[in-house]
Amino acid sequence: MVASAGPGLAAGSCSAARVDLRGPDLRQSFAVEVADDAAERAQGLMQRPQMDPDRGMLFVYESPRRAQFWMKDTLIPLDMIFADSAGVVTRVHADAVPLDETPIDGGEGVRFVLEINAGLAKRLGIAPGVELRHPAISDAAAAWPCH
């Protein structure tokens, strides 16, 4: 699961502590903290001085919505990966600037947002169409189900 060593294999069964990604030339996993309530989503990764390259935060919303983020009080440059209810990436915002209060628009229909260290999305080939797998993504709706 070390992103810095190149694409890691997303294998095995789903885990709440990990999100798997797959695409044409991509198999990657990140250990994640899940932010699935309003307080956790509001806090996000604020005030953290660093994050290991194989880690991230997965934001989970109860229903699809227009998602907007900002970097106020966030010290780490991030890539934000926006996905729909099926876990399919719809948009990637690369290199979000620490402490910037400019809104970052993920678009409509966002149900999941994965934040990882800046530069990893481009290096690993994470782009629209890549699929996420995590237990929070309903198997009935998932493009890549857990089971």
C-alpha atoms as a PDB file:
ATOM      1  CA  MET A   1       0.000   0.000   0.000  1.00  0.00           C
ATOM      2  CA  VAL A   2       2.879   2.403  -0.417  1.00  0.00           C
ATOM      3  CA  ALA A   3       1.871   4.981  -3.003  1.00  0.00           C
ATOM      4  CA  SER A   4       5.372   6.381  -3.278  1.00  0.00           C
ATOM      5  CA  ALA A   5       6.670   3.078  -4.635  1.00  0.00           C
ATOM      6  CA  GLY A   6       4.286   3.163  -7.601  1.00  0.00           C
ATOM      7  CA  PRO A   7       0.858   1.646  -8.052  1.00  0.00           C
ATOM      8  CA  GLY A   8       0.077  -0.795  -5.279  1.00  0.00           C
ATOM      9  CA  LEU A   9      -2.254  -3.702  -5.820  1.00  0.00           C
ATOM     10  CA  ALA A  10      -5.786  -3.191  -4.649  1.00  0.00           C
ATOM     11  CA  ALA A  11      -6.481  -6.754  -3.606  1.00  0.00           C
ATOM     12  CA  GLY A  12      -8.379  -8.710  -1.013  1.00  0.00           C
ATOM     13  CA  SER A  13     -11.712  -7.935   0.528  1.00  0.00           C
ATOM     14  CA  CYS A  14     -12.971  -4.472   1.352  1.00  0.00           C
ATOM     15  CA  SER A  15     -11.973  -2.797   4.577  1.00  0.00           C
ATOM     16  CA  ALA A  16     -13.411   0.325   6.213  1.00  0.00           C
ATOM     17  CA  ALA A  17      -9.810   1.399   6.858  1.00  0.00           C
ATOM     18  CA  ARG A  18      -8.818   1.274   3.172  1.00  0.00           C
ATOM     19  CA  VAL A  19     -10.051   2.561  -0.174  1.00  0.00           C
ATOM     20  CA  ASP A  20      -9.054   0.717  -3.339  1.00  0.00           C
ATOM     21  CA  LEU A  21      -8.816   2.345  -6.765  1.00  0.00           C
ATOM     22  CA  ARG A  22      -8.710   0.712 -10.181  1.00  0.00           C
ATOM     23  CA  GLY A  23      -8.447   1.954 -13.721  1.00  0.00           C
ATOM     24  CA  PRO A  24      -6.971   0.793 -17.022  1.00  0.00           C
ATOM     25  CA  ASP A  25      -3.378   1.032 -15.749  1.00  0.00           C
ATOM     26  CA  LEU A  26      -4.067   1.544 -12.050  1.00  0.00           C
ATOM     27  CA  ARG A  27      -4.372  -0.633  -8.976  1.00  0.00           C
ATOM     28  CA  GLN A  28      -3.842   1.366  -5.796  1.00  0.00           C
ATOM     29  CA  SER A  29      -4.924   1.304  -2.163  1.00  0.00           C
ATOM     30  CA  PHE A  30      -4.774   4.008   0.479  1.00  0.00           C
ATOM     31  CA  ALA A  31      -5.280   3.588   4.207  1.00  0.00           C
ATOM     32  CA  VAL A  32      -8.053   6.054   5.020  1.00  0.00           C
ATOM     33  CA  GLU A  33      -9.774   7.823   7.823  1.00  0.00           C
ATOM     34  CA  VAL A  34     -13.472   8.073   7.075  1.00  0.00           C
ATOM     35  CA  ALA A  35     -15.305  11.357   7.600  1.00  0.00           C
ATOM     36  CA  ASP A  36     -18.970  10.385   7.449  1.00  0.00           C
ATOM     37  CA  ASP A  37     -20.750  12.910   9.638  1.00  0.00           C
ATOM     38  CA  ALA A  38     -20.985  16.695   9.524  1.00  0.00           C
ATOM     39  CA  ALA A  39     -18.449  17.314  12.312  1.00  0.00           C
ATOM     40  CA  GLU A  40     -15.840  14.968  10.829  1.00  0.00           C
ATOM     41  CA  ARG A  41     -16.325  16.416   7.341  1.00  0.00           C
ATOM     42  CA  ALA A  42     -15.987  19.972   8.686  1.00  0.00           C
ATOM     43  CA  GLN A  43     -12.717  19.099  10.456  1.00  0.00           C
ATOM     44  CA  GLY A  44     -11.251  17.082   7.578  1.00  0.00           C
ATOM     45  CA  LEU A  45      -7.457  17.254   7.492  1.00  0.00           C
ATOM     46  CA  MET A  46      -7.195  20.704   9.066  1.00  0.00           C
ATOM     47  CA  GLN A  47      -4.189  21.492  11.285  1.00  0.00           C
ATOM     48  CA  ARG A  48      -2.208  18.392  10.313  1.00  0.00           C
ATOM     49  CA  PRO A  49       1.411  19.119   9.419  1.00  0.00           C
ATOM     50  CA  GLN A  50       1.856  16.047   7.180  1.00  0.00           C
ATOM     51  CA  MET A  51       0.286  12.853   5.878  1.00  0.00           C
ATOM     52  CA  ASP A  52       2.061   9.657   4.866  1.00  0.00           C
ATOM     53  CA  PRO A  53       1.972   8.985   1.098  1.00  0.00           C
ATOM     54  CA  ASP A  54      -0.092   5.807   1.509  1.00  0.00           C
ATOM     55  CA  ARG A  55      -2.793   7.582   3.557  1.00  0.00           C
ATOM     56  CA  GLY A  56      -5.832   9.698   2.828  1.00  0.00           C
ATOM     57  CA  MET A  57      -9.235  10.785   4.038  1.00  0.00           C
ATOM     58  CA  LEU A  58     -12.494   9.556   2.534  1.00  0.00           C
ATOM     59  CA  PHE A  59     -15.460  11.901   2.877  1.00  0.00           C
ATOM     60  CA  VAL A  60     -18.796  10.087   2.701  1.00  0.00           C
ATOM     61  CA  TYR A  61     -22.099  11.897   2.148  1.00  0.00           C
ATOM     62  CA  GLU A  62     -25.528  10.407   2.826  1.00  0.00           C
ATOM     63  CA  SER A  63     -26.762  11.343  -0.645  1.00  0.00           C
ATOM     64  CA  PRO A  64     -25.356  12.852  -3.854  1.00  0.00           C
ATOM     65  CA  ARG A  65     -24.819  16.626  -3.755  1.00  0.00           C
ATOM     66  CA  ARG A  66     -22.789  19.514  -5.110  1.00  0.00           C
ATOM     67  CA  ALA A  67     -19.581  19.270  -3.092  1.00  0.00           C
ATOM     68  CA  GLN A  68     -17.387  22.271  -2.456  1.00  0.00           C
ATOM     69  CA  PHE A  69     -14.215  22.219  -0.402  1.00  0.00           C
ATOM     70  CA  TRP A  70     -11.669  24.787   0.700  1.00  0.00           C
ATOM     71  CA  MET A  71      -8.240  24.597   2.264  1.00  0.00           C
ATOM     72  CA  LYS A  72      -8.747  26.967   5.201  1.00  0.00           C
ATOM     73  CA  ASP A  73      -6.603  25.749   8.103  1.00  0.00           C
ATOM     74  CA  THR A  74      -5.324  22.827   5.988  1.00  0.00           C
ATOM     75  CA  LEU A  75      -1.532  22.722   6.017  1.00  0.00           C
ATOM     76  CA  ILE A  76      -0.953  19.877   3.526  1.00  0.00           C
ATOM     77  CA  PRO A  77      -1.217  20.363  -0.257  1.00  0.00           C
ATOM     78  CA  LEU A  78      -3.855  17.892  -1.460  1.00  0.00           C
ATOM     79  CA  ASP A  79      -5.399  16.238  -4.476  1.00  0.00           C
ATOM     80  CA  MET A  80      -9.183  15.947  -4.161  1.00  0.00           C
ATOM     81  CA  ILE A  81     -10.844  13.071  -5.979  1.00  0.00           C
ATOM     82  CA  PHE A  82     -14.619  13.431  -6.382  1.00  0.00           C
ATOM     83  CA  ALA A  83     -16.772  10.351  -7.052  1.00  0.00           C
ATOM     84  CA  ASP A  84     -20.451   9.589  -7.615  1.00  0.00           C
ATOM     85  CA  SER A  85     -22.746   7.085  -5.852  1.00  0.00           C
ATOM     86  CA  ALA A  86     -21.238   4.195  -7.828  1.00  0.00           C
ATOM     87  CA  GLY A  87     -17.732   5.174  -6.689  1.00  0.00           C
ATOM     88  CA  VAL A  88     -16.735   6.346 -10.166  1.00  0.00           C
ATOM     89  CA  VAL A  89     -14.395   9.346 -10.214  1.00  0.00           C
ATOM     90  CA  THR A  90     -16.081  12.325 -11.844  1.00  0.00           C
ATOM     91  CA  ARG A  91     -13.489  15.029 -11.221  1.00  0.00           C
ATOM     92  CA  VAL A  92      -9.977  15.452  -9.827  1.00  0.00           C
ATOM     93  CA  HIS A  93      -8.743  18.725  -8.380  1.00  0.00           C
ATOM     94  CA  ALA A  94      -4.961  18.563  -8.260  1.00  0.00           C
ATOM     95  CA  ASP A  95      -2.618  20.475  -6.002  1.00  0.00           C
ATOM     96  CA  ALA A  96      -5.046  22.291  -3.700  1.00  0.00           C
ATOM     97  CA  VAL A  97      -3.067  25.084  -2.035  1.00  0.00           C
ATOM     98  CA  PRO A  98      -2.698  25.012   1.769  1.00  0.00           C
ATOM     99  CA  LEU A  99      -4.631  27.709   3.667  1.00  0.00           C
ATOM    100  CA  ASP A 100      -6.432  28.906   0.497  1.00  0.00           C
ATOM    101  CA  GLU A 101     -10.065  29.857   1.089  1.00  0.00           C
ATOM    102  CA  THR A 102     -11.057  29.732  -2.591  1.00  0.00           C
ATOM    103  CA  PRO A 103     -13.909  27.211  -3.033  1.00  0.00           C
ATOM    104  CA  ILE A 104     -12.988  24.022  -4.891  1.00  0.00           C
ATOM    105  CA  ASP A 105     -16.032  22.786  -6.789  1.00  0.00           C
ATOM    106  CA  GLY A 106     -16.432  19.050  -7.152  1.00  0.00           C
ATOM    107  CA  GLY A 107     -19.571  19.398  -9.237  1.00  0.00           C
ATOM    108  CA  GLU A 108     -23.002  17.839  -8.880  1.00  0.00           C
ATOM    109  CA  GLY A 109     -23.766  14.271  -7.881  1.00  0.00           C
ATOM    110  CA  VAL A 110     -20.794  13.851  -5.538  1.00  0.00           C
ATOM    111  CA  ARG A 111     -21.181  11.191  -2.871  1.00  0.00           C
ATOM    112  CA  PHE A 112     -17.519  10.482  -2.022  1.00  0.00           C
ATOM    113  CA  VAL A 113     -14.358  12.592  -1.901  1.00  0.00           C
ATOM    114  CA  LEU A 114     -10.907  11.124  -1.403  1.00  0.00           C
ATOM    115  CA  GLU A 115      -8.147  13.490  -0.292  1.00  0.00           C
ATOM    116  CA  ILE A 116      -4.555  12.363  -0.833  1.00  0.00           C
ATOM    117  CA  ASN A 117      -1.196  14.115  -0.943  1.00  0.00           C
ATOM    118  CA  ALA A 118      -0.813  16.553  -3.835  1.00  0.00           C
ATOM    119  CA  GLY A 119       0.772  15.149  -6.969  1.00  0.00           C
ATOM    120  CA  LEU A 120      -0.225  11.524  -6.380  1.00  0.00           C
ATOM    121  CA  ALA A 121      -3.336  11.632  -8.582  1.00  0.00           C
ATOM    122  CA  LYS A 122      -1.328  12.676 -11.615  1.00  0.00           C
ATOM    123  CA  ARG A 123       1.578  10.351 -10.878  1.00  0.00           C
ATOM    124  CA  LEU A 124      -0.694   7.330 -10.376  1.00  0.00           C
ATOM    125  CA  GLY A 125      -3.110   8.121 -13.222  1.00  0.00           C
ATOM    126  CA  ILE A 126      -6.170   8.835 -11.076  1.00  0.00           C
ATOM    127  CA  ALA A 127      -8.637  10.529 -13.427  1.00  0.00           C
ATOM    128  CA  PRO A 128     -12.359  10.567 -14.249  1.00  0.00           C
ATOM    129  CA  GLY A 129     -13.582   7.035 -14.843  1.00  0.00           C
ATOM    130  CA  VAL A 130     -11.365   5.398 -12.197  1.00  0.00           C
ATOM    131  CA  GLU A 131     -13.396   3.290  -9.764  1.00  0.00           C
ATOM    132  CA  LEU A 132     -13.255   3.350  -5.959  1.00  0.00           C
ATOM    133  CA  ARG A 133     -14.072   0.388  -3.733  1.00  0.00           C
ATOM    134  CA  HIS A 134     -14.987   0.796  -0.053  1.00  0.00           C
ATOM    135  CA  PRO A 135     -17.711  -0.630   2.222  1.00  0.00           C
ATOM    136  CA  ALA A 136     -19.448   2.789   2.311  1.00  0.00           C
ATOM    137  CA  ILE A 137     -20.229   2.391  -1.397  1.00  0.00           C
ATOM    138  CA  SER A 138     -23.373   0.281  -1.588  1.00  0.00           C
ATOM    139  CA  ASP A 139     -22.741  -3.002  -3.409  1.00  0.00           C
ATOM    140  CA  ALA A 140     -26.063  -2.538  -5.241  1.00  0.00           C
ATOM    141  CA  ALA A 141     -24.871   0.784  -6.719  1.00  0.00           C
ATOM    142  CA  ALA A 142     -21.126   0.155  -6.889  1.00  0.00           C
ATOM    143  CA  ALA A 143     -19.228   0.039 -10.160  1.00  0.00           C
ATOM    144  CA  TRP A 144     -16.726  -2.154  -8.242  1.00  0.00           C
ATOM    145  CA  PRO A 145     -18.607  -3.947  -5.446  1.00  0.00           C
ATOM    146  CA  CYS A 146     -16.938  -5.257  -2.309  1.00  0.00           C
ATOM    147  CA  HIS A 147     -18.509  -8.693  -2.695  1.00  0.00           C
END
